[in-house]
Each structure stands twice: as C-alpha cells, then as structure tokens.
C-alpha atoms as a PDB file:
ATOM      1  CA  MET A   1      97.312 115.233  98.475  1.00  0.00           C
ATOM      2  CA  ASN A   2      99.584 117.834  96.904  1.00  0.00           C
ATOM      3  CA  VAL A   3     101.320 115.750  94.253  1.00  0.00           C
ATOM      4  CA  HIS A   4     103.923 118.497  93.755  1.00  0.00           C
ATOM      5  CA  ALA A   5     105.286 118.277  97.310  1.00  0.00           C
ATOM      6  CA  PRO A   6     108.144 115.868  98.172  1.00  0.00           C
ATOM      7  CA  ILE A   7     106.876 112.739  99.907  1.00  0.00           C
ATOM      8  CA  LEU A   8     108.967 112.270 103.042  1.00  0.00           C
ATOM      9  CA  HIS A   9     106.772 109.553 104.569  1.00  0.00           C
ATOM     10  CA  ARG A  10     104.887 107.254 102.243  1.00  0.00           C
ATOM     11  CA  ASP A  11     101.319 106.352 103.159  1.00  0.00           C
ATOM     12  CA  PRO A  12      99.107 104.188 100.938  1.00  0.00           C
ATOM     13  CA  VAL A  13      96.716 105.978  98.598  1.00  0.00           C
ATOM     14  CA  PRO A  14      93.294 106.127 100.330  1.00  0.00           C
ATOM     15  CA  LEU A  15      90.506 104.331  98.481  1.00  0.00           C
ATOM     16  CA  THR A  16      86.968 105.647  98.064  1.00  0.00           C
ATOM     17  CA  VAL A  17      83.561 104.011  98.359  1.00  0.00           C
ATOM     18  CA  ASP A  18      83.363 103.928  94.548  1.00  0.00           C
ATOM     19  CA  ASP A  19      86.708 102.095  94.468  1.00  0.00           C
ATOM     20  CA  PHE A  20      85.419  99.627  97.041  1.00  0.00           C
ATOM     21  CA  VAL A  21      82.265  98.920  95.016  1.00  0.00           C
ATOM     22  CA  LEU A  22      84.288  98.521  91.804  1.00  0.00           C
ATOM     23  CA  LEU A  23      86.656  96.008  93.398  1.00  0.00           C
ATOM     24  CA  LYS A  24      83.842  94.094  95.072  1.00  0.00           C
ATOM     25  CA  ARG A  25      81.888  93.743  91.817  1.00  0.00           C
ATOM     26  CA  ALA A  26      85.061  92.573  90.065  1.00  0.00           C
ATOM     27  CA  GLY A  27      85.561  89.771  92.599  1.00  0.00           C
ATOM     28  CA  SER A  28      88.771  91.227  94.019  1.00  0.00           C
ATOM     29  CA  PHE A  29      87.934  90.098  97.546  1.00  0.00           C
ATOM     30  CA  THR A  30      87.842  86.363  96.884  1.00  0.00           C
ATOM     31  CA  GLY A  31      89.093  84.551  99.957  1.00  0.00           C
ATOM     32  CA  TYR A  32      87.521  86.982 102.390  1.00  0.00           C
ATOM     33  CA  GLY A  33      84.211  86.436 104.155  1.00  0.00           C
ATOM     34  CA  LYS A  34      83.875  90.108 105.046  1.00  0.00           C
ATOM     35  CA  VAL A  35      85.638  93.217 103.763  1.00  0.00           C
ATOM     36  CA  GLU A  36      85.115  96.807 104.863  1.00  0.00           C
ATOM     37  CA  LEU A  37      86.537 100.216 103.995  1.00  0.00           C
ATOM     38  CA  LEU A  38      87.646 102.353 106.939  1.00  0.00           C
ATOM     39  CA  ASP A  39      89.456 105.680 106.520  1.00  0.00           C
ATOM     40  CA  GLY A  40      90.373 104.746 102.964  1.00  0.00           C
ATOM     41  CA  GLU A  41      91.929 101.398 103.905  1.00  0.00           C
ATOM     42  CA  LEU A  42      90.563  97.913 103.250  1.00  0.00           C
ATOM     43  CA  SER A  43      90.402  95.309 105.993  1.00  0.00           C
ATOM     44  CA  GLY A  44      88.804  91.888 105.909  1.00  0.00           C
ATOM     45  CA  VAL A  45      88.240  88.565 107.619  1.00  0.00           C
ATOM     46  CA  ARG A  46      89.604  85.611 105.702  1.00  0.00           C
ATOM     47  CA  LEU A  47      87.454  82.613 104.863  1.00  0.00           C
ATOM     48  CA  GLN A  48      88.519  79.568 106.864  1.00  0.00           C
ATOM     49  CA  HIS A  49      88.639  75.884 106.068  1.00  0.00           C
ATOM     50  CA  ASP A  50      86.630  73.477 108.184  1.00  0.00           C
ATOM     51  CA  ASP A  51      89.780  72.068 109.792  1.00  0.00           C
ATOM     52  CA  GLU A  52      91.116  75.495 110.855  1.00  0.00           C
ATOM     53  CA  PRO A  53      90.548  76.918 114.346  1.00  0.00           C
ATOM     54  CA  GLU A  54      87.868  79.582 114.464  1.00  0.00           C
ATOM     55  CA  TYR A  55      89.243  83.093 114.019  1.00  0.00           C
ATOM     56  CA  ASP A  56      87.356  86.281 113.199  1.00  0.00           C
ATOM     57  CA  GLY A  57      90.164  88.847 113.367  1.00  0.00           C
ATOM     58  CA  SER A  58      90.476  91.327 110.515  1.00  0.00           C
ATOM     59  CA  GLU A  59      93.647  92.101 108.573  1.00  0.00           C
ATOM     60  CA  PRO A  60      94.637  94.504 105.780  1.00  0.00           C
ATOM     61  CA  VAL A  61      93.382  93.364 102.375  1.00  0.00           C
ATOM     62  CA  ARG A  62      96.223  93.179  99.880  1.00  0.00           C
ATOM     63  CA  LEU A  63      95.357  94.131  96.307  1.00  0.00           C
ATOM     64  CA  ASP A  64      96.842  92.123  93.466  1.00  0.00           C
ATOM     65  CA  GLY A  65      98.065  93.405  90.117  1.00  0.00           C
ATOM     66  CA  HIS A  66      94.689  92.819  88.475  1.00  0.00           C
ATOM     67  CA  ALA A  67      92.867  94.959  91.062  1.00  0.00           C
ATOM     68  CA  TYR A  68      95.554  97.644  90.762  1.00  0.00           C
ATOM     69  CA  ARG A  69      95.184  97.866  86.988  1.00  0.00           C
ATOM     70  CA  LEU A  70      91.385  97.837  87.352  1.00  0.00           C
ATOM     71  CA  LEU A  71      91.547 100.951  89.529  1.00  0.00           C
ATOM     72  CA  ALA A  72      94.034 102.603  87.183  1.00  0.00           C
ATOM     73  CA  ASP A  73      91.894 101.903  84.107  1.00  0.00           C
ATOM     74  CA  ALA A  74      88.831 103.300  85.902  1.00  0.00           C
ATOM     75  CA  GLY A  75      90.657 106.586  86.553  1.00  0.00           C
ATOM     76  CA  SER A  76      90.589 106.131  90.318  1.00  0.00           C
ATOM     77  CA  LEU A  77      94.288 106.961  90.707  1.00  0.00           C
ATOM     78  CA  GLN A  78      94.496 110.037  88.482  1.00  0.00           C
ATOM     79  CA  GLY A  79      94.536 112.509  91.356  1.00  0.00           C
ATOM     80  CA  HIS A  80      97.590 110.903  92.954  1.00  0.00           C
ATOM     81  CA  GLY A  81     100.177 111.325  90.204  1.00  0.00           C
ATOM     82  CA  LYS A  82     102.276 108.270  89.378  1.00  0.00           C
ATOM     83  CA  THR A  83     101.627 105.259  91.584  1.00  0.00           C
ATOM     84  CA  GLU A  84     103.050 101.796  92.249  1.00  0.00           C
ATOM     85  CA  LEU A  85     101.830  98.626  93.948  1.00  0.00           C
ATOM     86  CA  LEU A  86     103.963  97.447  96.874  1.00  0.00           C
ATOM     87  CA  ASP A  87     103.014  94.538  99.125  1.00  0.00           C
ATOM     88  CA  GLY A  88      99.378  94.842  98.048  1.00  0.00           C
ATOM     89  CA  ALA A  89      99.081  98.580  98.820  1.00  0.00           C
ATOM     90  CA  ILE A  90      99.054 101.458  96.337  1.00  0.00           C
ATOM     91  CA  TYR A  91     101.558 104.270  96.916  1.00  0.00           C
ATOM     92  CA  ALA A  92     101.916 107.657  95.258  1.00  0.00           C
ATOM     93  CA  MET A  93     105.406 108.233  93.935  1.00  0.00           C
ATOM     94  CA  SER A  94     107.522 111.218  94.868  1.00  0.00           C
ATOM     95  CA  PRO A  95     107.870 113.990  92.260  1.00  0.00           C
ATOM     96  CA  GLN A  96     111.238 114.131  90.522  1.00  0.00           C
ATOM     97  CA  TYR A  97     113.047 117.426  90.853  1.00  0.00           C
ATOM     98  CA  ARG A  98     116.420 118.260  89.326  1.00  0.00           C
ATOM     99  CA  PRO A  99     118.737 116.666  91.941  1.00  0.00           C
ATOM    100  CA  HIS A 100     116.904 113.347  91.562  1.00  0.00           C
ATOM    101  CA  GLY A 101     116.326 113.648  87.817  1.00  0.00           C
ATOM    102  CA  PHE A 102     119.930 114.517  86.973  1.00  0.00           C
ATOM    103  CA  VAL A 103     121.386 111.552  88.884  1.00  0.00           C
ATOM    104  CA  LYS A 104     118.788 109.153  87.460  1.00  0.00           C
ATOM    105  CA  ASP A 105     119.328 110.266  83.862  1.00  0.00           C
ATOM    106  CA  GLU A 106     123.115 110.151  84.166  1.00  0.00           C
ATOM    107  CA  ILE A 107     123.179 106.674  85.736  1.00  0.00           C
ATOM    108  CA  ALA A 108     120.797 105.350  83.069  1.00  0.00           C
ATOM    109  CA  TYR A 109     122.923 106.872  80.289  1.00  0.00           C
ATOM    110  CA  ARG A 110     126.187 105.571  81.726  1.00  0.00           C
ATOM    111  CA  LEU A 111     124.729 102.091  82.250  1.00  0.00           C
ATOM    112  CA  ARG A 112     123.568 102.031  78.635  1.00  0.00           C
ATOM    113  CA  ARG A 113     127.032 102.980  77.395  1.00  0.00           C
ATOM    114  CA  ALA A 114     128.692 100.438  79.695  1.00  0.00           C
ATOM    115  CA  LEU A 115     126.392  97.622  78.543  1.00  0.00           C
ATOM    116  CA  GLU A 116     127.158  98.438  74.922  1.00  0.00           C
ATOM    117  CA  ALA A 117     130.891  98.411  75.703  1.00  0.00           C
ATOM    118  CA  VAL A 118     130.778  94.861  77.092  1.00  0.00           C
ATOM    119  CA  GLY A 119     128.390  93.588  74.415  1.00  0.00           C
ATOM    120  CA  SER A 120     125.612  92.791  76.875  1.00  0.00           C
ATOM    121  CA  SER A 121     122.094  91.977  75.689  1.00  0.00           C
ATOM    122  CA  LEU A 122     120.616  93.708  78.748  1.00  0.00           C
ATOM    123  CA  HIS A 123     118.448  96.776  78.129  1.00  0.00           C
ATOM    124  CA  VAL A 124     118.136  99.863  80.329  1.00  0.00           C
ATOM    125  CA  ALA A 125     114.499 100.579  81.242  1.00  0.00           C
ATOM    126  CA  THR A 126     113.470 103.674  83.199  1.00  0.00           C
ATOM    127  CA  GLU A 127     110.301 104.240  85.229  1.00  0.00           C
ATOM    128  CA  GLN A 128     108.449 101.201  83.914  1.00  0.00           C
ATOM    129  CA  SER A 129     106.240  98.833  85.898  1.00  0.00           C
ATOM    130  CA  ALA A 130     107.792  95.528  86.953  1.00  0.00           C
ATOM    131  CA  ALA A 131     105.695  92.472  87.834  1.00  0.00           C
ATOM    132  CA  LEU A 132     107.580  91.018  90.803  1.00  0.00           C
ATOM    133  CA  SER A 133     104.736  89.088  92.465  1.00  0.00           C
ATOM    134  CA  SER A 134     100.946  89.007  92.600  1.00  0.00           C
ATOM    135  CA  PHE A 135     101.049  91.917  95.066  1.00  0.00           C
ATOM    136  CA  ASP A 136     104.100  93.878  93.894  1.00  0.00           C
ATOM    137  CA  GLU A 137     104.215  96.040  90.778  1.00  0.00           C
ATOM    138  CA  PRO A 138     106.716  98.822  91.480  1.00  0.00           C
ATOM    139  CA  GLN A 139     108.112 101.353  89.023  1.00  0.00           C
ATOM    140  CA  PRO A 140     111.861 101.452  89.721  1.00  0.00           C
ATOM    141  CA  ASP A 141     113.858 104.416  88.496  1.00  0.00           C
ATOM    142  CA  ILE A 142     116.175 102.157  86.489  1.00  0.00           C
ATOM    143  CA  MET A 143     116.136  98.445  85.588  1.00  0.00           C
ATOM    144  CA  LEU A 144     118.378  96.225  83.523  1.00  0.00           C
ATOM    145  CA  THR A 145     116.130  93.706  81.772  1.00  0.00           C
ATOM    146  CA  ARG A 146     116.433  90.926  79.215  1.00  0.00           C
ATOM    147  CA  GLU A 147     112.852  91.483  78.011  1.00  0.00           C
ATOM    148  CA  PRO A 148     112.311  95.152  77.121  1.00  0.00           C
ATOM    149  CA  ARG A 149     109.661  94.372  74.483  1.00  0.00           C
ATOM    150  CA  GLY A 150     106.194  92.910  74.910  1.00  0.00           C
ATOM    151  CA  GLU A 151     102.859  93.719  76.514  1.00  0.00           C
ATOM    152  CA  GLY A 152     102.257  94.591  80.155  1.00  0.00           C
ATOM    153  CA  PRO A 153     104.843  95.136  82.888  1.00  0.00           C
ATOM    154  CA  ILE A 154     108.437  93.935  82.681  1.00  0.00           C
ATOM    155  CA  PRO A 155     108.688  90.359  84.042  1.00  0.00           C
ATOM    156  CA  GLY A 156     110.551  90.174  87.315  1.00  0.00           C
ATOM    157  CA  ALA A 157     112.486  87.104  86.183  1.00  0.00           C
ATOM    158  CA  SER A 158     114.042  89.154  83.356  1.00  0.00           C
ATOM    159  CA  ILE A 159     115.531  91.806  85.654  1.00  0.00           C
ATOM    160  CA  ALA A 160     119.262  91.630  86.390  1.00  0.00           C
ATOM    161  CA  LEU A 161     119.619  94.848  88.388  1.00  0.00           C
ATOM    162  CA  ILE A 162     117.422  97.579  89.869  1.00  0.00           C
ATOM    163  CA  CYS A 163     118.564 101.080  90.792  1.00  0.00           C
ATOM    164  CA  GLU A 164     116.493 103.536  92.827  1.00  0.00           C
ATOM    165  CA  VAL A 165     117.569 107.162  93.137  1.00  0.00           C
ATOM    166  CA  SER A 166     116.761 108.579  96.574  1.00  0.00           C
ATOM    167  CA  ALA A 167     116.484 112.291  97.192  1.00  0.00           C
ATOM    168  CA  ASN A 168     113.889 112.101  99.994  1.00  0.00           C
ATOM    169  CA  THR A 169     112.754 108.460 100.219  1.00  0.00           C
ATOM    170  CA  LEU A 170     116.003 106.858 101.372  1.00  0.00           C
ATOM    171  CA  ALA A 171     114.631 104.967 104.383  1.00  0.00           C
ATOM    172  CA  PHE A 172     111.767 103.545 102.326  1.00  0.00           C
ATOM    173  CA  ASP A 173     114.096 102.460  99.513  1.00  0.00           C
ATOM    174  CA  LEU A 174     116.585 100.842 101.905  1.00  0.00           C
ATOM    175  CA  ARG A 175     113.961  98.982 103.943  1.00  0.00           C
ATOM    176  CA  GLU A 176     110.627  98.307 102.254  1.00  0.00           C
ATOM    177  CA  LYS A 177     111.858  98.251  98.676  1.00  0.00           C
ATOM    178  CA  ALA A 178     114.992  96.284  99.530  1.00  0.00           C
ATOM    179  CA  ARG A 179     112.800  93.661 101.208  1.00  0.00           C
ATOM    180  CA  ILE A 180     110.453  93.428  98.216  1.00  0.00           C
ATOM    181  CA  TYR A 181     113.304  93.235  95.703  1.00  0.00           C
ATOM    182  CA  ALA A 182     115.114  90.580  97.726  1.00  0.00           C
ATOM    183  CA  GLN A 183     111.933  88.501  98.006  1.00  0.00           C
ATOM    184  CA  ALA A 184     111.559  88.732  94.227  1.00  0.00           C
ATOM    185  CA  GLY A 185     115.087  87.401  93.755  1.00  0.00           C
ATOM    186  CA  ILE A 186     116.477  90.516  92.061  1.00  0.00           C
ATOM    187  CA  PRO A 187     120.216  89.691  91.800  1.00  0.00           C
ATOM    188  CA  GLU A 188     121.523  93.185  92.529  1.00  0.00           C
ATOM    189  CA  TYR A 189     120.067  96.412  93.926  1.00  0.00           C
ATOM    190  CA  TRP A 190     121.553  99.897  93.947  1.00  0.00           C
ATOM    191  CA  VAL A 191     120.235 102.890  95.896  1.00  0.00           C
ATOM    192  CA  ALA A 192     121.823 106.135  94.724  1.00  0.00           C
ATOM    193  CA  ASP A 193     121.772 108.422  97.762  1.00  0.00           C
ATOM    194  CA  VAL A 194     121.659 111.932  96.308  1.00  0.00           C
ATOM    195  CA  GLY A 195     122.260 113.684  99.624  1.00  0.00           C
ATOM    196  CA  ALA A 196     125.222 111.571 100.761  1.00  0.00           C
ATOM    197  CA  LYS A 197     126.632 111.227  97.221  1.00  0.00           C
ATOM    198  CA  LEU A 198     127.103 107.486  97.425  1.00  0.00           C
ATOM    199  CA  VAL A 199     125.513 104.265  96.205  1.00  0.00           C
ATOM    200  CA  HIS A 200     124.233 101.634  98.621  1.00  0.00           C
ATOM    201  CA  GLN A 201     124.978  98.435  96.684  1.00  0.00           C
ATOM    202  CA  MET A 202     123.292  95.144  97.647  1.00  0.00           C
ATOM    203  CA  TRP A 203     123.426  91.631  96.190  1.00  0.00           C
ATOM    204  CA  MET A 204     122.955  87.929  96.985  1.00  0.00           C
ATOM    205  CA  PRO A 205     119.253  87.955  97.990  1.00  0.00           C
ATOM    206  CA  VAL A 206     118.150  85.282 100.463  1.00  0.00           C
ATOM    207  CA  GLY A 207     114.561  85.351 101.683  1.00  0.00           C
ATOM    208  CA  ASP A 208     113.573  88.943 102.363  1.00  0.00           C
ATOM    209  CA  ARG A 209     117.021  90.516 102.529  1.00  0.00           C
ATOM    210  CA  PHE A 210     120.253  90.978 100.619  1.00  0.00           C
ATOM    211  CA  THR A 211     123.094  89.189 102.376  1.00  0.00           C
ATOM    212  CA  GLN A 212     125.926  91.274 100.899  1.00  0.00           C
ATOM    213  CA  SER A 213     126.221  95.053 100.730  1.00  0.00           C
ATOM    214  CA  ARG A 214     128.665  97.921 100.543  1.00  0.00           C
ATOM    215  CA  ASP A 215     128.568 101.708 100.229  1.00  0.00           C
ATOM    216  CA  VAL A 216     130.396 103.214  97.266  1.00  0.00           C
ATOM    217  CA  PRO A 217     131.060 106.994  97.061  1.00  0.00           C
ATOM    218  CA  PHE A 218     130.129 108.662  93.785  1.00  0.00           C
ATOM    219  CA  ASP A 219     133.758 109.593  93.138  1.00  0.00           C
ATOM    220  CA  ALA A 220     134.875 105.944  93.354  1.00  0.00           C
ATOM    221  CA  GLY A 221     132.883 104.601  90.392  1.00  0.00           C
ATOM    222  CA  MET A 222     130.527 101.615  90.395  1.00  0.00           C
ATOM    223  CA  GLU A 223     131.255  97.995  89.512  1.00  0.00           C
ATOM    224  CA  SER A 224     128.473  95.433  89.345  1.00  0.00           C
ATOM    225  CA  THR A 225     129.020  92.339  91.467  1.00  0.00           C
ATOM    226  CA  THR A 226     126.695  90.174  89.364  1.00  0.00           C
ATOM    227  CA  ILE A 227     127.139  91.366  85.758  1.00  0.00           C
ATOM    228  CA  PRO A 228     130.674  90.606  84.534  1.00  0.00           C
ATOM    229  CA  GLY A 229     132.583  93.608  83.228  1.00  0.00           C
ATOM    230  CA  LEU A 230     129.879  96.169  83.993  1.00  0.00           C
ATOM    231  CA  THR A 231     131.399  99.340  85.472  1.00  0.00           C
ATOM    232  CA  ILE A 232     130.301 102.969  85.303  1.00  0.00           C
ATOM    233  CA  HIS A 233     131.912 106.254  86.269  1.00  0.00           C
ATOM    234  CA  THR A 234     129.849 108.101  88.878  1.00  0.00           C
ATOM    235  CA  VAL A 235     132.086 111.142  89.290  1.00  0.00           C
ATOM    236  CA  ALA A 236     130.227 114.485  89.022  1.00  0.00           C
ATOM    237  CA  LEU A 237     126.832 112.995  89.823  1.00  0.00           C
END
C-alpha cells in the first residue's frame, strides 16, 4: 500500500502468516474451533454449546483491542502508517494533507477557546485512540473528553463529542463511523465535510444510529446540542 496516497475506499489491513501465528500463540482465537488466514483476512468457525444446533459455517474473526495492540507492539502494522481498530478489523488511516489539516487544527483550536470561555472541564484531544468497545479503538480527529490524563486509550465513557474531518472519507465517516459511535453512546458527532464546506451534526444515539441530525454550513457557525453554551465560529474554514 502507498501510505502517501489518499484512501478513497477503506479496506482492512491484510494480515500475514507471521501475524496469524503471533495471534494464535497469544490465544486471540478463543471461542473458535478453527481459524484460517485467506488473502490476508481471518475467518473461523465458532465453538458451539451442546444445546446449540450444529453449524460449521465460517465468519470473519473480529480482533479485540488486546490483539490489536499485540500486533502494533510487534511492529506488524508499521508499513501501513497510522491505523485504527473498527468493528474488529484494522484499517489504515488516510494521510492528512493541508485541506484536511487546516480544518482539523482550526476546529480543535476554536473548540478549546470556546470550552475555556464557558468554564468547561472538557479537554480537546486530537488523533488519540479511544476505547469504545472490545472491538473498536478508533483514532478520531478531535474528541472532547473528561479524562485526558492516564494510561492507555481515552475511555469511551469520558467522551462528550467526536468530530471527524472528511476530505476523502465522507461516506465511511457518515456510515461506518457514525454506526460505531452511536453504538458506543457518544452523545454528539460532527463530520466536517471539507469539500461541501459544512458540518454534518448528529446527536441522540439510539442503538446503532443517531436519531437527530442537521447540516450546518461553515459560514453559519456551530452550536453544540448537548454541551450547554458551546458554540464556535466556523467562518473561513
């Protein structure tokens, strides 16, 4: 993979035989009677209880956070640039060029100033891992968290708002990531659409979706629906 090229369609990072052996020796396939590696993807047959009907169909093996960090510590992901764990699969993250980087940095700066203005204890975190579930450890562009200090990833329960900046991954951010963030109970989710110059704002998560949403042009400014008093100017983004 050319890690310097924009990622328009996100495919999971392919695993190698060495990765497979490492995970197997570490006990990462507990719960599966058989696991195999085909074209870089793991598939397995789940172990069944005695009272379950017989079934030998295979399904994708989802990696948990422990397996993800095991691969990262072993250097298995170095050739893929920055990565994140989503729904048990490892994805390479898109490079950040100036259109994306400028909008991300400005939103983070303006959120920090706005939080200070209202006396909020929330902290702006950028590009850090968030532990949302056993199988989800994304690295959002921007998070507002109550627990910026400590070891390991930022706890999902501490996150009040997530913002992703989309220059070429809009569909993925609006579908897959929105589903994962809603399932994790993230109160509010923003997707800053660099091309359309607007923010897709979502809130009130129920199940795997946000039940409320609206599109806000950059020149209209942003007001949080879940954090009282939090507003930022988005003109000139």
